[in-house]
N, C-alpha and C. Protein backbone atom coordinates (compact mmCIF):
# COMPACT_ATOMS: atom_id res chain seq x y z
N MET A 1 32.68 75.31 35.44
CA MET A 1 31.36 74.66 35.47
C MET A 1 31.47 73.15 35.66
N PRO A 2 32.32 72.44 34.90
CA PRO A 2 32.48 71.00 35.11
C PRO A 2 33.03 70.68 36.48
N GLU A 3 33.95 71.55 36.97
CA GLU A 3 34.54 71.29 38.27
C GLU A 3 33.48 71.35 39.36
N GLU A 4 32.58 72.33 39.24
CA GLU A 4 31.52 72.47 40.22
C GLU A 4 30.59 71.25 40.19
N PHE A 5 30.36 70.73 38.96
CA PHE A 5 29.46 69.57 38.81
C PHE A 5 30.05 68.34 39.50
N PHE A 6 31.34 68.08 39.25
CA PHE A 6 31.99 66.93 39.87
C PHE A 6 32.06 67.09 41.39
N LYS A 7 32.27 68.34 41.85
CA LYS A 7 32.30 68.57 43.29
C LYS A 7 30.95 68.24 43.93
N SER A 8 29.88 68.56 43.18
CA SER A 8 28.53 68.28 43.70
C SER A 8 28.25 66.78 43.77
N LEU A 9 28.92 65.98 42.91
CA LEU A 9 28.72 64.53 42.89
C LEU A 9 29.45 63.83 44.03
N LYS A 10 30.50 64.44 44.55
CA LYS A 10 31.33 63.78 45.56
C LYS A 10 30.52 63.34 46.77
N PRO A 11 29.68 64.19 47.34
CA PRO A 11 28.89 63.73 48.51
C PRO A 11 27.99 62.54 48.18
N ILE A 12 27.42 62.60 46.96
CA ILE A 12 26.51 61.51 46.55
C ILE A 12 27.28 60.20 46.42
N LEU A 13 28.43 60.24 45.72
CA LEU A 13 29.24 59.05 45.52
C LEU A 13 29.76 58.51 46.85
N LYS A 14 30.11 59.42 47.74
CA LYS A 14 30.61 59.01 49.04
C LYS A 14 29.53 58.27 49.82
N ALA A 15 28.31 58.81 49.74
CA ALA A 15 27.18 58.18 50.44
C ALA A 15 26.89 56.79 49.86
N MET A 16 26.94 56.69 48.51
CA MET A 16 26.69 55.40 47.85
C MET A 16 27.77 54.39 48.23
N GLY A 17 29.01 54.87 48.31
CA GLY A 17 30.11 53.99 48.68
C GLY A 17 29.92 53.40 50.06
N LYS A 18 29.44 54.24 50.99
CA LYS A 18 29.18 53.74 52.34
C LYS A 18 28.09 52.68 52.35
N LYS A 19 27.02 52.95 51.54
CA LYS A 19 25.92 51.98 51.49
C LYS A 19 26.36 50.67 50.86
N LEU A 20 27.16 50.78 49.76
CA LEU A 20 27.66 49.57 49.10
C LEU A 20 28.56 48.78 50.05
N LYS A 21 29.36 49.49 50.83
CA LYS A 21 30.25 48.83 51.77
C LYS A 21 29.44 48.13 52.85
N LYS A 22 28.33 48.76 53.22
CA LYS A 22 27.47 48.19 54.26
C LYS A 22 26.82 46.89 53.80
N TYR A 23 26.42 46.87 52.50
CA TYR A 23 25.71 45.68 51.97
C TYR A 23 26.60 44.85 51.05
N ARG A 24 27.93 44.91 51.27
CA ARG A 24 28.84 44.22 50.36
C ARG A 24 28.64 42.70 50.39
N ILE A 25 28.30 42.16 51.55
CA ILE A 25 28.09 40.70 51.65
C ILE A 25 26.86 40.29 50.84
N GLU A 26 25.78 41.10 51.01
CA GLU A 26 24.56 40.79 50.26
C GLU A 26 24.79 40.89 48.75
N ILE A 27 25.54 41.95 48.35
CA ILE A 27 25.83 42.14 46.92
C ILE A 27 26.67 40.98 46.39
N PHE A 28 27.65 40.56 47.18
CA PHE A 28 28.50 39.43 46.77
C PHE A 28 27.67 38.15 46.58
N LEU A 29 26.77 37.91 47.53
CA LEU A 29 25.93 36.71 47.43
C LEU A 29 25.01 36.78 46.21
N LEU A 30 24.48 37.98 45.92
CA LEU A 30 23.59 38.15 44.76
C LEU A 30 24.34 37.89 43.46
N ILE A 31 25.56 38.44 43.37
CA ILE A 31 26.36 38.23 42.15
C ILE A 31 26.70 36.75 41.99
N THR A 32 27.07 36.11 43.12
CA THR A 32 27.40 34.67 43.08
C THR A 32 26.19 33.85 42.62
N ALA A 33 25.01 34.21 43.14
CA ALA A 33 23.78 33.49 42.76
C ALA A 33 23.48 33.66 41.27
N LEU A 34 23.68 34.87 40.76
CA LEU A 34 23.44 35.13 39.33
C LEU A 34 24.39 34.31 38.46
N ILE A 35 25.66 34.26 38.88
CA ILE A 35 26.66 33.49 38.11
C ILE A 35 26.30 32.00 38.13
N SER A 36 25.92 31.48 39.31
CA SER A 36 25.56 30.06 39.44
C SER A 36 24.34 29.72 38.58
N THR A 37 23.35 30.63 38.61
CA THR A 37 22.14 30.41 37.80
C THR A 37 22.46 30.39 36.31
N SER A 38 23.33 31.31 35.89
CA SER A 38 23.71 31.37 34.47
C SER A 38 24.42 30.10 34.03
N ILE A 39 25.34 29.61 34.89
CA ILE A 39 26.07 28.38 34.57
C ILE A 39 25.12 27.18 34.49
N SER A 40 24.20 27.10 35.47
CA SER A 40 23.23 25.98 35.49
C SER A 40 22.34 26.00 34.24
N LEU A 41 21.89 27.20 33.86
CA LEU A 41 21.03 27.34 32.68
C LEU A 41 21.78 26.94 31.42
N PHE A 42 23.04 27.32 31.33
CA PHE A 42 23.87 26.98 30.17
C PHE A 42 24.03 25.46 30.04
N ILE A 43 24.32 24.80 31.18
CA ILE A 43 24.49 23.33 31.17
C ILE A 43 23.18 22.64 30.80
N PHE A 44 22.07 23.13 31.36
CA PHE A 44 20.74 22.53 31.10
C PHE A 44 20.38 22.61 29.61
N LEU A 45 20.62 23.78 29.02
CA LEU A 45 20.30 23.96 27.59
C LEU A 45 21.16 23.07 26.72
N ASN A 46 22.43 22.92 27.06
CA ASN A 46 23.34 22.05 26.29
C ASN A 46 22.90 20.59 26.36
N LEU A 47 22.50 20.14 27.56
CA LEU A 47 22.04 18.75 27.71
C LEU A 47 20.77 18.50 26.90
N ASN A 48 19.86 19.46 26.90
CA ASN A 48 18.62 19.33 26.13
C ASN A 48 18.89 19.22 24.64
N ASN A 49 19.84 20.03 24.17
CA ASN A 49 20.20 19.99 22.75
C ASN A 49 20.77 18.64 22.37
N LYS A 50 21.62 18.08 23.24
CA LYS A 50 22.22 16.77 22.96
C LYS A 50 21.17 15.68 22.95
N ASN A 51 20.25 15.75 23.94
CA ASN A 51 19.18 14.75 23.99
C ASN A 51 18.29 14.83 22.77
N GLY A 52 18.01 16.06 22.33
CA GLY A 52 17.19 16.24 21.13
C GLY A 52 17.86 15.65 19.91
N GLU A 53 19.18 15.85 19.80
CA GLU A 53 19.92 15.29 18.67
C GLU A 53 19.90 13.77 18.71
N GLU A 54 20.02 13.19 19.93
CA GLU A 54 20.01 11.73 20.05
C GLU A 54 18.66 11.16 19.66
N ILE A 55 17.57 11.84 20.08
CA ILE A 55 16.22 11.38 19.74
C ILE A 55 16.00 11.41 18.24
N ILE A 56 16.43 12.50 17.61
CA ILE A 56 16.29 12.62 16.15
C ILE A 56 17.07 11.52 15.46
N SER A 57 18.30 11.27 15.95
CA SER A 57 19.12 10.22 15.35
C SER A 57 18.46 8.86 15.49
N GLU A 58 17.90 8.59 16.68
CA GLU A 58 17.24 7.30 16.90
C GLU A 58 16.03 7.15 16.00
N ASN A 59 15.27 8.24 15.83
CA ASN A 59 14.10 8.19 14.95
C ASN A 59 14.50 7.92 13.51
N LYS A 60 15.60 8.52 13.08
CA LYS A 60 16.08 8.29 11.72
C LYS A 60 16.45 6.83 11.52
N ILE A 61 17.06 6.24 12.52
CA ILE A 61 17.46 4.83 12.42
C ILE A 61 16.24 3.94 12.36
N ASP A 62 15.19 4.29 13.15
CA ASP A 62 13.97 3.48 13.16
C ASP A 62 13.30 3.44 11.80
N PHE A 63 13.43 4.52 11.02
CA PHE A 63 12.76 4.59 9.73
C PHE A 63 13.54 3.93 8.61
N LEU A 64 14.74 3.48 8.88
CA LEU A 64 15.52 2.79 7.85
C LEU A 64 14.86 1.45 7.54
N PRO A 65 14.59 1.16 6.25
CA PRO A 65 13.92 -0.10 5.90
C PRO A 65 14.79 -1.31 6.22
N GLU A 66 14.17 -2.34 6.76
CA GLU A 66 14.88 -3.58 7.07
C GLU A 66 15.18 -4.33 5.78
N LYS A 67 16.33 -4.93 5.71
CA LYS A 67 16.73 -5.69 4.52
C LYS A 67 16.49 -7.18 4.75
N ILE A 68 16.02 -7.87 3.70
CA ILE A 68 15.82 -9.32 3.76
C ILE A 68 16.49 -9.96 2.56
N LEU A 69 16.69 -11.28 2.63
CA LEU A 69 17.31 -12.03 1.53
C LEU A 69 16.30 -13.00 0.93
N VAL A 70 16.18 -12.97 -0.40
CA VAL A 70 15.25 -13.84 -1.12
C VAL A 70 16.00 -14.56 -2.23
N ASP A 71 15.81 -15.89 -2.30
CA ASP A 71 16.50 -16.72 -3.29
C ASP A 71 15.57 -16.96 -4.48
N LEU A 72 15.97 -16.49 -5.67
CA LEU A 72 15.17 -16.68 -6.89
C LEU A 72 15.99 -17.48 -7.89
N GLN A 73 15.51 -18.68 -8.22
CA GLN A 73 16.25 -19.59 -9.10
C GLN A 73 15.35 -20.06 -10.25
N GLY A 74 15.98 -20.80 -11.17
CA GLY A 74 15.22 -21.37 -12.29
C GLY A 74 15.30 -20.52 -13.54
N ALA A 75 14.19 -20.47 -14.26
CA ALA A 75 14.17 -19.82 -15.58
C ALA A 75 14.00 -18.31 -15.48
N VAL A 76 15.01 -17.66 -14.89
CA VAL A 76 15.07 -16.21 -14.87
C VAL A 76 16.42 -15.80 -15.45
N GLU A 77 16.55 -14.54 -15.86
CA GLU A 77 17.77 -14.09 -16.51
C GLU A 77 18.99 -14.15 -15.59
N LYS A 78 18.81 -13.79 -14.32
CA LYS A 78 19.95 -13.77 -13.38
C LYS A 78 19.56 -14.44 -12.06
N PRO A 79 19.58 -15.78 -12.02
CA PRO A 79 19.26 -16.48 -10.77
C PRO A 79 20.27 -16.11 -9.68
N ASP A 80 19.77 -15.76 -8.50
CA ASP A 80 20.69 -15.35 -7.43
C ASP A 80 19.91 -15.16 -6.13
N VAL A 81 20.67 -14.88 -5.07
CA VAL A 81 20.06 -14.49 -3.80
C VAL A 81 20.08 -12.96 -3.76
N TYR A 82 18.91 -12.36 -3.59
CA TYR A 82 18.79 -10.91 -3.67
C TYR A 82 18.47 -10.29 -2.32
N GLU A 83 19.17 -9.19 -2.04
CA GLU A 83 18.88 -8.41 -0.84
C GLU A 83 17.88 -7.32 -1.23
N ILE A 84 16.78 -7.25 -0.50
CA ILE A 84 15.71 -6.31 -0.86
C ILE A 84 15.04 -5.81 0.41
N SER A 85 14.37 -4.70 0.33
CA SER A 85 13.72 -4.11 1.50
C SER A 85 12.55 -4.96 1.97
N SER A 86 12.36 -5.02 3.27
CA SER A 86 11.22 -5.74 3.83
C SER A 86 9.92 -5.12 3.32
N GLY A 87 8.96 -5.97 2.96
CA GLY A 87 7.70 -5.48 2.41
C GLY A 87 7.68 -5.46 0.89
N ALA A 88 8.80 -5.86 0.27
CA ALA A 88 8.86 -5.90 -1.20
C ALA A 88 7.98 -7.04 -1.73
N ARG A 89 7.60 -6.92 -2.98
CA ARG A 89 6.76 -7.92 -3.64
C ARG A 89 7.61 -8.83 -4.52
N LEU A 90 7.00 -9.96 -4.91
CA LEU A 90 7.70 -10.89 -5.79
C LEU A 90 8.08 -10.20 -7.10
N LYS A 91 7.23 -9.30 -7.55
CA LYS A 91 7.51 -8.55 -8.78
C LYS A 91 8.83 -7.78 -8.67
N ASP A 92 9.10 -7.21 -7.49
CA ASP A 92 10.34 -6.44 -7.28
C ASP A 92 11.57 -7.34 -7.39
N VAL A 93 11.48 -8.55 -6.83
CA VAL A 93 12.61 -9.49 -6.90
C VAL A 93 12.82 -9.94 -8.34
N LEU A 94 11.73 -10.19 -9.06
CA LEU A 94 11.82 -10.63 -10.45
C LEU A 94 12.47 -9.57 -11.33
N ILE A 95 12.18 -8.30 -11.03
CA ILE A 95 12.82 -7.20 -11.77
C ILE A 95 14.32 -7.20 -11.54
N LEU A 96 14.74 -7.41 -10.28
CA LEU A 96 16.18 -7.47 -9.98
C LEU A 96 16.85 -8.62 -10.72
N ALA A 97 16.09 -9.70 -10.93
CA ALA A 97 16.64 -10.88 -11.62
C ALA A 97 16.59 -10.74 -13.14
N GLY A 98 16.14 -9.61 -13.63
CA GLY A 98 16.11 -9.38 -15.07
C GLY A 98 14.89 -9.95 -15.76
N GLY A 99 13.92 -10.44 -14.98
CA GLY A 99 12.69 -10.99 -15.56
C GLY A 99 12.83 -12.46 -15.93
N LEU A 100 11.76 -13.02 -16.49
CA LEU A 100 11.76 -14.42 -16.91
C LEU A 100 12.67 -14.61 -18.11
N SER A 101 13.30 -15.76 -18.17
CA SER A 101 14.15 -16.08 -19.32
C SER A 101 13.29 -16.62 -20.47
N ALA A 102 13.91 -16.83 -21.63
CA ALA A 102 13.17 -17.34 -22.80
C ALA A 102 12.67 -18.75 -22.56
N GLU A 103 13.33 -19.51 -21.67
CA GLU A 103 12.96 -20.91 -21.41
C GLU A 103 11.80 -21.03 -20.42
N ALA A 104 11.43 -19.95 -19.75
CA ALA A 104 10.41 -20.02 -18.69
C ALA A 104 9.04 -20.41 -19.24
N ASP A 105 8.33 -21.22 -18.47
CA ASP A 105 6.95 -21.57 -18.83
C ASP A 105 6.05 -20.47 -18.28
N ARG A 106 5.71 -19.52 -19.13
CA ARG A 106 4.96 -18.34 -18.70
C ARG A 106 3.53 -18.67 -18.28
N VAL A 107 2.94 -19.68 -18.90
CA VAL A 107 1.58 -20.08 -18.52
C VAL A 107 1.60 -20.65 -17.10
N PHE A 108 2.56 -21.54 -16.84
CA PHE A 108 2.70 -22.13 -15.51
C PHE A 108 2.97 -21.03 -14.48
N PHE A 109 3.84 -20.09 -14.85
CA PHE A 109 4.20 -19.00 -13.93
C PHE A 109 2.97 -18.17 -13.57
N SER A 110 2.17 -17.80 -14.57
CA SER A 110 1.00 -16.95 -14.31
C SER A 110 -0.04 -17.66 -13.45
N ARG A 111 -0.07 -19.01 -13.52
CA ARG A 111 -1.04 -19.77 -12.73
C ARG A 111 -0.60 -19.96 -11.27
N HIS A 112 0.69 -20.12 -11.07
CA HIS A 112 1.19 -20.52 -9.75
C HIS A 112 1.86 -19.41 -8.95
N PHE A 113 2.24 -18.31 -9.59
CA PHE A 113 2.98 -17.26 -8.89
C PHE A 113 2.19 -15.96 -8.88
N ASN A 114 2.10 -15.37 -7.69
CA ASN A 114 1.40 -14.10 -7.52
C ASN A 114 2.43 -12.98 -7.41
N LEU A 115 2.52 -12.16 -8.44
CA LEU A 115 3.52 -11.09 -8.46
C LEU A 115 3.29 -10.04 -7.37
N ALA A 116 2.06 -9.96 -6.87
CA ALA A 116 1.75 -8.97 -5.83
C ALA A 116 2.05 -9.48 -4.43
N LYS A 117 2.47 -10.74 -4.31
CA LYS A 117 2.73 -11.34 -2.99
C LYS A 117 3.94 -10.69 -2.33
N LYS A 118 3.83 -10.40 -1.02
CA LYS A 118 4.97 -9.89 -0.27
C LYS A 118 5.92 -11.04 0.03
N VAL A 119 7.19 -10.83 -0.27
CA VAL A 119 8.18 -11.88 -0.03
C VAL A 119 8.70 -11.76 1.40
N ALA A 120 9.13 -12.90 1.95
CA ALA A 120 9.64 -12.93 3.33
C ALA A 120 11.12 -13.30 3.33
N ASP A 121 11.78 -13.01 4.44
CA ASP A 121 13.20 -13.31 4.57
C ASP A 121 13.46 -14.82 4.45
N GLN A 122 14.49 -15.19 3.68
CA GLN A 122 14.96 -16.57 3.50
C GLN A 122 14.01 -17.41 2.63
N GLU A 123 13.07 -16.80 1.95
CA GLU A 123 12.20 -17.55 1.05
C GLU A 123 12.93 -17.89 -0.25
N LYS A 124 12.51 -19.02 -0.86
CA LYS A 124 13.09 -19.42 -2.14
C LYS A 124 11.98 -19.64 -3.16
N TYR A 125 12.19 -19.14 -4.38
CA TYR A 125 11.25 -19.31 -5.48
C TYR A 125 11.98 -19.96 -6.65
N TYR A 126 11.33 -20.97 -7.24
CA TYR A 126 11.93 -21.63 -8.41
C TYR A 126 10.96 -21.51 -9.58
N ILE A 127 11.43 -20.91 -10.66
CA ILE A 127 10.61 -20.72 -11.86
C ILE A 127 10.94 -21.83 -12.86
N PRO A 128 9.99 -22.72 -13.18
CA PRO A 128 10.29 -23.84 -14.08
C PRO A 128 10.33 -23.43 -15.55
N SER A 129 11.05 -24.22 -16.33
CA SER A 129 11.09 -24.00 -17.78
C SER A 129 9.96 -24.78 -18.44
N VAL A 130 9.74 -24.50 -19.73
CA VAL A 130 8.71 -25.22 -20.49
C VAL A 130 9.03 -26.72 -20.51
N GLU A 131 10.30 -27.04 -20.71
CA GLU A 131 10.72 -28.45 -20.77
C GLU A 131 10.45 -29.17 -19.46
N GLU A 132 10.73 -28.52 -18.34
CA GLU A 132 10.52 -29.14 -17.03
C GLU A 132 9.04 -29.45 -16.78
N VAL A 133 8.17 -28.58 -17.27
CA VAL A 133 6.74 -28.81 -17.09
C VAL A 133 6.25 -29.89 -18.04
N GLN A 134 6.70 -29.85 -19.29
CA GLN A 134 6.24 -30.82 -20.29
C GLN A 134 6.71 -32.24 -19.98
N THR A 135 7.90 -32.37 -19.44
CA THR A 135 8.42 -33.71 -19.11
C THR A 135 7.91 -34.22 -17.76
N GLY A 136 7.17 -33.40 -17.05
CA GLY A 136 6.61 -33.83 -15.77
C GLY A 136 7.53 -33.64 -14.59
N LEU A 137 8.70 -33.04 -14.83
CA LEU A 137 9.62 -32.79 -13.72
C LEU A 137 8.99 -31.82 -12.72
N ILE A 138 8.28 -30.86 -13.25
CA ILE A 138 7.50 -29.93 -12.42
C ILE A 138 6.04 -30.14 -12.78
N LYS A 139 5.22 -30.53 -11.80
CA LYS A 139 3.82 -30.82 -12.08
C LYS A 139 2.92 -29.70 -11.56
N GLU A 140 1.85 -29.47 -12.32
CA GLU A 140 0.88 -28.46 -11.91
C GLU A 140 0.03 -29.03 -10.78
N SER A 141 -0.20 -28.23 -9.77
CA SER A 141 -0.96 -28.71 -8.62
C SER A 141 -2.41 -28.97 -9.00
N GLU A 142 -3.00 -29.97 -8.32
CA GLU A 142 -4.40 -30.33 -8.58
C GLU A 142 -5.33 -29.16 -8.27
N GLN A 143 -4.98 -28.40 -7.24
CA GLN A 143 -5.81 -27.26 -6.85
C GLN A 143 -5.85 -26.22 -7.97
N THR A 144 -4.69 -25.98 -8.60
CA THR A 144 -4.64 -25.00 -9.68
C THR A 144 -5.41 -25.48 -10.89
N LEU A 145 -5.28 -26.79 -11.22
CA LEU A 145 -6.01 -27.35 -12.35
C LEU A 145 -7.51 -27.26 -12.13
N ASN A 146 -7.96 -27.59 -10.92
CA ASN A 146 -9.38 -27.51 -10.62
C ASN A 146 -9.89 -26.08 -10.72
N TYR A 147 -9.07 -25.15 -10.24
CA TYR A 147 -9.44 -23.73 -10.29
C TYR A 147 -9.59 -23.27 -11.73
N ASN A 148 -8.62 -23.66 -12.57
CA ASN A 148 -8.67 -23.25 -13.98
C ASN A 148 -9.85 -23.89 -14.70
N GLN A 149 -10.10 -25.17 -14.41
CA GLN A 149 -11.22 -25.86 -15.05
C GLN A 149 -12.55 -25.22 -14.65
N THR A 150 -12.68 -24.90 -13.37
CA THR A 150 -13.91 -24.27 -12.88
C THR A 150 -14.13 -22.92 -13.55
N ASN A 151 -13.05 -22.13 -13.65
CA ASN A 151 -13.16 -20.82 -14.29
C ASN A 151 -13.50 -20.95 -15.77
N ASN A 152 -12.90 -21.95 -16.43
CA ASN A 152 -13.19 -22.15 -17.86
C ASN A 152 -14.64 -22.54 -18.06
N GLN A 153 -15.13 -23.43 -17.19
CA GLN A 153 -16.53 -23.84 -17.29
C GLN A 153 -17.47 -22.67 -17.04
N LYS A 154 -17.11 -21.86 -16.05
CA LYS A 154 -17.93 -20.69 -15.72
C LYS A 154 -17.95 -19.71 -16.89
N THR A 155 -16.79 -19.49 -17.50
CA THR A 155 -16.71 -18.58 -18.64
C THR A 155 -17.53 -19.09 -19.81
N ALA A 156 -17.43 -20.41 -20.05
CA ALA A 156 -18.19 -21.02 -21.16
C ALA A 156 -19.69 -20.88 -20.92
N HIS A 157 -20.11 -21.08 -19.66
CA HIS A 157 -21.52 -20.96 -19.32
C HIS A 157 -22.01 -19.52 -19.52
N GLN A 158 -21.19 -18.56 -19.06
CA GLN A 158 -21.57 -17.16 -19.20
C GLN A 158 -21.68 -16.74 -20.66
N SER A 159 -20.78 -17.26 -21.49
CA SER A 159 -20.79 -16.89 -22.91
C SER A 159 -21.99 -17.47 -23.64
N SER A 160 -22.60 -18.55 -23.08
CA SER A 160 -23.77 -19.17 -23.72
C SER A 160 -25.07 -18.47 -23.34
N LEU A 161 -25.04 -17.61 -22.32
CA LEU A 161 -26.24 -16.88 -21.90
C LEU A 161 -26.56 -15.76 -22.88
N ILE A 162 -27.84 -15.46 -23.03
CA ILE A 162 -28.27 -14.37 -23.92
C ILE A 162 -28.42 -13.09 -23.09
N ASN A 163 -27.72 -12.05 -23.52
CA ASN A 163 -27.74 -10.77 -22.81
C ASN A 163 -28.97 -9.98 -23.27
N ILE A 164 -29.92 -9.79 -22.37
CA ILE A 164 -31.17 -9.11 -22.76
C ILE A 164 -30.97 -7.61 -22.99
N ASN A 165 -29.79 -7.09 -22.65
CA ASN A 165 -29.50 -5.67 -22.92
C ASN A 165 -28.90 -5.45 -24.30
N THR A 166 -28.35 -6.51 -24.90
CA THR A 166 -27.67 -6.34 -26.19
C THR A 166 -28.15 -7.30 -27.28
N ALA A 167 -28.92 -8.31 -26.92
CA ALA A 167 -29.31 -9.35 -27.90
C ALA A 167 -30.21 -8.77 -28.99
N SER A 168 -30.07 -9.34 -30.18
CA SER A 168 -30.93 -8.95 -31.31
C SER A 168 -32.29 -9.64 -31.18
N ILE A 169 -33.25 -9.24 -31.99
CA ILE A 169 -34.57 -9.84 -31.97
C ILE A 169 -34.51 -11.32 -32.32
N GLU A 170 -33.58 -11.69 -33.21
CA GLU A 170 -33.41 -13.10 -33.60
C GLU A 170 -32.89 -13.93 -32.43
N GLU A 171 -31.95 -13.37 -31.66
CA GLU A 171 -31.40 -14.10 -30.51
C GLU A 171 -32.45 -14.28 -29.42
N LEU A 172 -33.24 -13.24 -29.18
CA LEU A 172 -34.30 -13.33 -28.17
C LEU A 172 -35.38 -14.32 -28.59
N ASP A 173 -35.60 -14.43 -29.87
CA ASP A 173 -36.63 -15.34 -30.40
C ASP A 173 -36.28 -16.80 -30.13
N GLN A 174 -35.00 -17.08 -29.86
CA GLN A 174 -34.57 -18.46 -29.59
C GLN A 174 -34.98 -18.92 -28.18
N LEU A 175 -35.30 -17.98 -27.31
CA LEU A 175 -35.67 -18.33 -25.94
C LEU A 175 -37.07 -18.94 -25.89
N PRO A 176 -37.28 -19.94 -25.04
CA PRO A 176 -38.61 -20.57 -24.95
C PRO A 176 -39.68 -19.59 -24.46
N GLY A 177 -40.79 -19.53 -25.18
CA GLY A 177 -41.89 -18.65 -24.79
C GLY A 177 -41.73 -17.22 -25.24
N ILE A 178 -40.63 -16.90 -25.92
CA ILE A 178 -40.38 -15.54 -26.39
C ILE A 178 -40.49 -15.52 -27.92
N GLY A 179 -41.48 -14.84 -28.42
CA GLY A 179 -41.61 -14.67 -29.86
C GLY A 179 -41.09 -13.30 -30.26
N LYS A 180 -41.35 -12.91 -31.51
CA LYS A 180 -40.85 -11.62 -32.00
C LYS A 180 -41.55 -10.45 -31.30
N VAL A 181 -42.81 -10.62 -30.95
CA VAL A 181 -43.55 -9.53 -30.29
C VAL A 181 -42.97 -9.28 -28.89
N THR A 182 -42.82 -10.35 -28.11
CA THR A 182 -42.24 -10.20 -26.76
C THR A 182 -40.79 -9.76 -26.84
N GLY A 183 -40.09 -10.28 -27.84
CA GLY A 183 -38.70 -9.88 -28.03
C GLY A 183 -38.58 -8.39 -28.28
N GLN A 184 -39.52 -7.84 -29.05
CA GLN A 184 -39.51 -6.41 -29.33
C GLN A 184 -39.80 -5.60 -28.06
N LYS A 185 -40.69 -6.12 -27.20
CA LYS A 185 -40.99 -5.46 -25.92
C LYS A 185 -39.75 -5.44 -25.02
N ILE A 186 -39.00 -6.54 -25.06
CA ILE A 186 -37.76 -6.60 -24.26
C ILE A 186 -36.78 -5.52 -24.72
N ILE A 187 -36.65 -5.38 -26.04
CA ILE A 187 -35.72 -4.39 -26.60
C ILE A 187 -36.16 -2.97 -26.26
N GLN A 188 -37.46 -2.70 -26.32
CA GLN A 188 -37.98 -1.35 -26.08
C GLN A 188 -37.81 -0.90 -24.63
N ASN A 189 -37.78 -1.84 -23.70
CA ASN A 189 -37.70 -1.50 -22.27
C ASN A 189 -36.27 -1.52 -21.71
N ARG A 190 -35.28 -1.60 -22.55
CA ARG A 190 -33.88 -1.56 -22.10
C ARG A 190 -33.54 -0.17 -21.56
N PRO A 191 -32.51 -0.07 -20.68
CA PRO A 191 -31.66 -1.15 -20.17
C PRO A 191 -32.25 -1.82 -18.93
N TYR A 192 -31.71 -3.00 -18.61
CA TYR A 192 -32.13 -3.76 -17.43
C TYR A 192 -30.95 -3.87 -16.47
N HIS A 193 -31.22 -3.67 -15.19
CA HIS A 193 -30.17 -3.81 -14.17
C HIS A 193 -30.08 -5.24 -13.66
N ASN A 194 -31.16 -5.98 -13.78
CA ASN A 194 -31.17 -7.40 -13.41
C ASN A 194 -32.26 -8.09 -14.21
N ILE A 195 -32.17 -9.42 -14.29
CA ILE A 195 -33.12 -10.16 -15.13
C ILE A 195 -34.52 -10.17 -14.53
N GLU A 196 -34.63 -9.95 -13.22
CA GLU A 196 -35.94 -9.96 -12.56
C GLU A 196 -36.86 -8.85 -13.06
N GLU A 197 -36.27 -7.82 -13.67
CA GLU A 197 -37.08 -6.71 -14.18
C GLU A 197 -38.04 -7.16 -15.28
N LEU A 198 -37.70 -8.24 -16.00
CA LEU A 198 -38.60 -8.74 -17.04
C LEU A 198 -39.95 -9.11 -16.45
N SER A 199 -39.92 -9.73 -15.27
CA SER A 199 -41.16 -10.12 -14.60
C SER A 199 -41.78 -8.94 -13.87
N ALA A 200 -40.94 -8.13 -13.22
CA ALA A 200 -41.44 -6.98 -12.44
C ALA A 200 -42.13 -5.96 -13.33
N LYS A 201 -41.61 -5.76 -14.54
CA LYS A 201 -42.21 -4.80 -15.49
C LYS A 201 -43.31 -5.43 -16.33
N LYS A 202 -43.61 -6.72 -16.03
CA LYS A 202 -44.66 -7.46 -16.73
C LYS A 202 -44.41 -7.56 -18.24
N ILE A 203 -43.14 -7.62 -18.61
CA ILE A 203 -42.79 -7.83 -20.02
C ILE A 203 -43.03 -9.29 -20.39
N VAL A 204 -42.76 -10.19 -19.44
CA VAL A 204 -43.10 -11.61 -19.61
C VAL A 204 -43.84 -12.07 -18.36
N ASN A 205 -44.68 -13.10 -18.51
CA ASN A 205 -45.38 -13.61 -17.33
C ASN A 205 -44.47 -14.52 -16.52
N LYS A 206 -44.89 -14.89 -15.34
CA LYS A 206 -44.05 -15.67 -14.42
C LYS A 206 -43.68 -17.03 -15.00
N THR A 207 -44.59 -17.64 -15.73
CA THR A 207 -44.32 -18.97 -16.31
C THR A 207 -43.17 -18.89 -17.31
N VAL A 208 -43.22 -17.90 -18.19
CA VAL A 208 -42.16 -17.72 -19.19
C VAL A 208 -40.85 -17.34 -18.49
N TYR A 209 -40.95 -16.47 -17.48
CA TYR A 209 -39.74 -16.05 -16.77
C TYR A 209 -39.02 -17.24 -16.15
N GLU A 210 -39.76 -18.16 -15.55
CA GLU A 210 -39.16 -19.34 -14.93
C GLU A 210 -38.44 -20.19 -15.98
N LYS A 211 -38.94 -20.18 -17.21
CA LYS A 211 -38.33 -20.98 -18.28
C LYS A 211 -37.02 -20.36 -18.77
N ILE A 212 -36.93 -19.02 -18.76
CA ILE A 212 -35.78 -18.36 -19.39
C ILE A 212 -34.77 -17.79 -18.40
N LYS A 213 -35.07 -17.77 -17.09
CA LYS A 213 -34.20 -17.08 -16.13
C LYS A 213 -32.78 -17.63 -16.07
N ASN A 214 -32.63 -18.93 -16.36
CA ASN A 214 -31.28 -19.53 -16.35
C ASN A 214 -30.60 -19.46 -17.70
N LEU A 215 -31.25 -18.80 -18.67
CA LEU A 215 -30.70 -18.71 -20.02
C LEU A 215 -30.33 -17.29 -20.40
N ILE A 216 -30.60 -16.35 -19.50
CA ILE A 216 -30.38 -14.93 -19.83
C ILE A 216 -29.47 -14.26 -18.79
N THR A 217 -28.96 -13.09 -19.17
CA THR A 217 -28.10 -12.31 -18.29
C THR A 217 -28.22 -10.84 -18.66
N VAL A 218 -27.71 -9.96 -17.80
CA VAL A 218 -27.70 -8.52 -18.12
C VAL A 218 -26.26 -8.03 -18.30
N ASN A 219 -25.28 -8.92 -18.15
CA ASN A 219 -23.86 -8.54 -18.25
C ASN A 219 -23.26 -9.03 -19.56
């Protein structure tokens, strides 16, 4: 049975052999083209992988923080030149220096130095001691003194105003044109979002309001 089967295949194989022999050039060219395509595809994929790796590497380098040098001297625990990342704040440099020393004039420091300030490359900061400020070696700037005086005056003025949201009947009675009856009306109509409500709600008349508007507050 197997012998008969193989005998039956012989004519078929012989016919195929003749056809393959007839188209051997075409078959050779097809195989060559397939091999060339495979090689080209392999090279292309390898080049793409390398380029992708280079791009990733370049991106990683771009994200590395730039380093800068900042000189911090004076009344700090460890005066030195510090290397720190670009975009760092003065607070970060002060931490590296161990903070202010015992000799530092903390009042002067708080007035003249902004811990939230971004430091720049090659900048220098000098923190004075109490002795340096007291002896006049380091002087407070006129701008800072004026700023502090203005703020102190403003604070003093605000503290002298009578808060119509919290004042007692006795405190309200001290205002010109405000007696105990009007004072009680002010208390009953609390809270106030602004002082103009006293006039808008007709708690006081316009004449009285003009007299007290610079003496009262809601804060």
